[in-house]
């Protein structure tokens, strides 16, 4: 992708910025999809359930809560 996108970025620097924005947006979507699909993929020891209460929510809130818990324990 970088090889094919290089001619555009050499002509106009806005293309490089848009490429970075797209990559960051794609990462955010990937993190959220991994969070939503977590009950179905990656939990082989848990019993099968269609809806788990911990599966609903936002991945970024859980990350923030984890960081906040670590910071609180440090001080």
N, C-alpha and C. Protein backbone atom coordinates (compact mmCIF):
# COMPACT_ATOMS: atom_id res chain seq x y z
N UNK A 1 0.82 -1.18 0.00
CA UNK A 1 0.00 0.00 0.00
C UNK A 1 0.87 1.25 0.00
N UNK A 2 1.95 1.22 0.77
CA UNK A 2 2.83 2.39 0.83
C UNK A 2 3.47 2.65 -0.53
N UNK A 3 3.85 1.58 -1.22
CA UNK A 3 4.47 1.73 -2.54
C UNK A 3 3.50 2.37 -3.53
N UNK A 4 2.26 1.93 -3.50
CA UNK A 4 1.27 2.46 -4.44
C UNK A 4 0.80 3.87 -4.05
N UNK A 5 0.87 4.19 -2.79
CA UNK A 5 0.41 5.49 -2.31
C UNK A 5 1.50 6.56 -2.40
N UNK A 6 2.76 6.15 -2.56
CA UNK A 6 3.90 7.08 -2.59
C UNK A 6 3.79 8.15 -3.68
N UNK A 7 3.35 7.84 -4.90
CA UNK A 7 3.22 8.92 -5.90
C UNK A 7 2.25 10.02 -5.48
N UNK A 8 1.17 9.64 -4.82
CA UNK A 8 0.22 10.66 -4.36
C UNK A 8 0.81 11.52 -3.26
N UNK A 9 1.52 10.90 -2.32
CA UNK A 9 2.08 11.67 -1.21
C UNK A 9 3.22 12.57 -1.67
N UNK A 10 3.91 12.19 -2.73
CA UNK A 10 4.98 13.06 -3.23
C UNK A 10 4.42 14.27 -3.95
N UNK A 11 3.23 14.14 -4.54
CA UNK A 11 2.61 15.29 -5.22
C UNK A 11 1.96 16.26 -4.25
N UNK A 12 1.35 15.74 -3.20
CA UNK A 12 0.62 16.59 -2.26
C UNK A 12 0.72 16.00 -0.87
N UNK A 13 1.17 16.79 0.09
CA UNK A 13 1.36 16.29 1.45
C UNK A 13 0.05 15.99 2.17
N UNK A 14 -1.05 16.52 1.65
CA UNK A 14 -2.35 16.23 2.28
C UNK A 14 -2.70 14.75 2.21
N UNK A 15 -2.21 14.07 1.19
CA UNK A 15 -2.46 12.64 1.06
C UNK A 15 -1.78 11.86 2.19
N UNK A 16 -0.60 12.28 2.58
CA UNK A 16 0.10 11.61 3.68
C UNK A 16 -0.67 11.80 4.99
N UNK A 17 -1.20 12.99 5.19
CA UNK A 17 -1.99 13.26 6.40
C UNK A 17 -3.25 12.41 6.40
N UNK A 18 -3.92 12.34 5.27
CA UNK A 18 -5.14 11.54 5.18
C UNK A 18 -4.85 10.05 5.37
N UNK A 19 -3.70 9.60 4.89
CA UNK A 19 -3.32 8.20 5.10
C UNK A 19 -3.15 7.92 6.58
N UNK A 20 -2.50 8.81 7.31
CA UNK A 20 -2.33 8.63 8.76
C UNK A 20 -3.66 8.68 9.49
N UNK A 21 -4.54 9.59 9.08
CA UNK A 21 -5.88 9.67 9.70
C UNK A 21 -6.63 8.37 9.46
N UNK A 22 -6.56 7.83 8.24
CA UNK A 22 -7.25 6.59 7.93
C UNK A 22 -6.70 5.44 8.77
N UNK A 23 -5.38 5.38 8.95
CA UNK A 23 -4.78 4.30 9.74
C UNK A 23 -5.23 4.39 11.19
N UNK A 24 -5.26 5.59 11.76
CA UNK A 24 -5.71 5.77 13.15
C UNK A 24 -7.18 5.41 13.28
N UNK A 25 -8.00 5.85 12.35
CA UNK A 25 -9.42 5.50 12.38
C UNK A 25 -9.62 4.00 12.27
N UNK A 26 -8.86 3.34 11.41
CA UNK A 26 -8.93 1.90 11.24
C UNK A 26 -8.54 1.18 12.54
N UNK A 27 -7.54 1.73 13.26
CA UNK A 27 -7.15 1.15 14.54
C UNK A 27 -8.27 1.26 15.57
N UNK A 28 -8.92 2.42 15.63
CA UNK A 28 -10.03 2.59 16.57
C UNK A 28 -11.16 1.62 16.27
N UNK A 29 -11.49 1.45 15.00
CA UNK A 29 -12.55 0.51 14.63
C UNK A 29 -12.13 -0.92 14.96
N UNK A 30 -10.88 -1.27 14.72
CA UNK A 30 -10.39 -2.61 15.04
C UNK A 30 -10.43 -2.91 16.52
N UNK A 31 -10.07 -1.94 17.35
CA UNK A 31 -10.13 -2.14 18.80
C UNK A 31 -11.57 -2.35 19.25
N UNK A 32 -12.48 -1.56 18.73
CA UNK A 32 -13.88 -1.69 19.13
C UNK A 32 -14.48 -3.01 18.64
N UNK A 33 -14.13 -3.45 17.43
CA UNK A 33 -14.63 -4.73 16.93
C UNK A 33 -14.08 -5.89 17.75
N UNK A 34 -12.81 -5.81 18.14
CA UNK A 34 -12.25 -6.85 18.99
C UNK A 34 -12.96 -6.90 20.33
N UNK A 35 -13.34 -5.75 20.86
CA UNK A 35 -14.05 -5.70 22.14
C UNK A 35 -15.45 -6.31 22.01
N UNK A 36 -16.13 -6.00 20.93
CA UNK A 36 -17.50 -6.51 20.74
C UNK A 36 -17.48 -8.01 20.47
N UNK A 37 -16.50 -8.50 19.72
CA UNK A 37 -16.45 -9.92 19.38
C UNK A 37 -15.74 -10.76 20.43
N UNK A 38 -15.31 -10.15 21.50
CA UNK A 38 -14.57 -10.85 22.55
C UNK A 38 -15.32 -12.05 23.12
N UNK A 39 -16.63 -12.00 23.33
CA UNK A 39 -17.29 -13.21 23.87
C UNK A 39 -17.27 -14.39 22.91
N UNK A 40 -17.15 -14.14 21.62
CA UNK A 40 -17.20 -15.22 20.65
C UNK A 40 -15.82 -15.72 20.26
N UNK A 41 -14.82 -14.87 20.36
CA UNK A 41 -13.46 -15.21 19.93
C UNK A 41 -12.51 -14.95 21.10
N UNK A 42 -11.70 -15.90 21.45
CA UNK A 42 -10.66 -15.66 22.43
C UNK A 42 -10.99 -16.00 23.86
N UNK A 43 -12.12 -16.63 24.14
CA UNK A 43 -12.47 -17.04 25.50
C UNK A 43 -12.85 -18.51 25.51
N UNK A 44 -11.93 -19.42 25.22
CA UNK A 44 -12.30 -20.83 25.09
C UNK A 44 -12.70 -21.47 26.41
N UNK A 45 -12.27 -20.95 27.55
CA UNK A 45 -12.61 -21.56 28.83
C UNK A 45 -13.98 -21.17 29.35
N UNK A 46 -14.58 -20.14 28.79
CA UNK A 46 -15.88 -19.68 29.28
C UNK A 46 -17.01 -20.43 28.57
N UNK A 47 -18.12 -20.65 29.26
CA UNK A 47 -19.25 -21.31 28.61
C UNK A 47 -19.85 -20.40 27.53
N UNK A 48 -20.46 -21.01 26.52
CA UNK A 48 -21.03 -20.25 25.42
C UNK A 48 -22.27 -19.51 25.87
N UNK A 49 -22.33 -18.22 25.59
CA UNK A 49 -23.51 -17.38 25.82
C UNK A 49 -23.58 -16.38 24.69
N UNK A 50 -24.80 -16.08 24.25
CA UNK A 50 -24.93 -15.08 23.20
C UNK A 50 -24.63 -13.69 23.72
N UNK A 51 -25.14 -13.35 24.90
CA UNK A 51 -24.94 -12.01 25.44
C UNK A 51 -24.32 -12.10 26.82
N UNK A 52 -23.18 -11.49 26.98
CA UNK A 52 -22.54 -11.38 28.29
C UNK A 52 -22.62 -9.92 28.70
N UNK A 53 -22.88 -9.69 29.97
CA UNK A 53 -23.02 -8.30 30.39
C UNK A 53 -21.71 -7.53 30.31
N UNK A 54 -20.57 -8.20 30.50
CA UNK A 54 -19.30 -7.49 30.39
C UNK A 54 -18.91 -7.22 28.94
N UNK A 55 -19.58 -7.85 27.99
CA UNK A 55 -19.25 -7.65 26.58
C UNK A 55 -19.84 -6.35 26.05
N UNK A 56 -20.94 -5.93 26.63
CA UNK A 56 -21.54 -4.68 26.20
C UNK A 56 -20.80 -3.53 26.85
N UNK A 57 -20.58 -2.51 26.12
CA UNK A 57 -19.86 -1.37 26.65
C UNK A 57 -18.86 -0.86 25.63
N UNK A 58 -17.91 -0.12 26.14
CA UNK A 58 -16.96 0.54 25.27
C UNK A 58 -15.55 0.13 25.67
N UNK A 59 -14.74 -0.24 24.72
CA UNK A 59 -13.37 -0.67 25.00
C UNK A 59 -12.55 0.47 25.58
N UNK A 60 -12.79 1.67 25.12
CA UNK A 60 -11.99 2.81 25.56
C UNK A 60 -12.30 3.19 27.00
N UNK A 61 -13.54 2.99 27.44
CA UNK A 61 -13.87 3.22 28.85
C UNK A 61 -13.17 2.19 29.74
N UNK A 62 -13.11 0.96 29.28
CA UNK A 62 -12.41 -0.07 30.05
C UNK A 62 -10.91 0.20 30.13
N UNK A 63 -10.33 0.68 29.04
CA UNK A 63 -8.91 1.03 29.06
C UNK A 63 -8.67 2.18 30.02
N UNK A 64 -9.54 3.20 29.98
CA UNK A 64 -9.40 4.34 30.88
C UNK A 64 -9.57 3.91 32.33
N UNK A 65 -10.53 3.03 32.61
CA UNK A 65 -10.73 2.54 33.99
C UNK A 65 -9.52 1.75 34.47
N UNK A 66 -8.93 0.96 33.61
CA UNK A 66 -7.74 0.19 33.98
C UNK A 66 -6.57 1.11 34.28
N UNK A 67 -6.35 2.11 33.44
CA UNK A 67 -5.27 3.07 33.69
C UNK A 67 -5.52 3.84 34.96
N UNK A 68 -6.76 4.26 35.20
CA UNK A 68 -7.11 4.99 36.41
C UNK A 68 -6.86 4.12 37.64
N UNK A 69 -7.18 2.84 37.59
CA UNK A 69 -6.94 1.93 38.72
C UNK A 69 -5.45 1.79 39.01
N UNK A 70 -4.63 1.72 37.97
CA UNK A 70 -3.19 1.60 38.16
C UNK A 70 -2.62 2.90 38.76
N UNK A 71 -3.08 4.03 38.27
CA UNK A 71 -2.60 5.32 38.78
C UNK A 71 -3.02 5.49 40.25
N UNK A 72 -4.24 5.09 40.58
CA UNK A 72 -4.73 5.21 41.96
C UNK A 72 -3.91 4.36 42.91
N UNK A 73 -3.51 3.15 42.47
CA UNK A 73 -2.71 2.28 43.32
C UNK A 73 -1.29 2.82 43.51
N UNK A 74 -0.81 3.58 42.55
CA UNK A 74 0.54 4.12 42.64
C UNK A 74 0.63 5.24 43.68
N UNK A 75 -0.45 5.97 43.89
CA UNK A 75 -0.41 7.11 44.81
C UNK A 75 -1.21 6.85 46.01
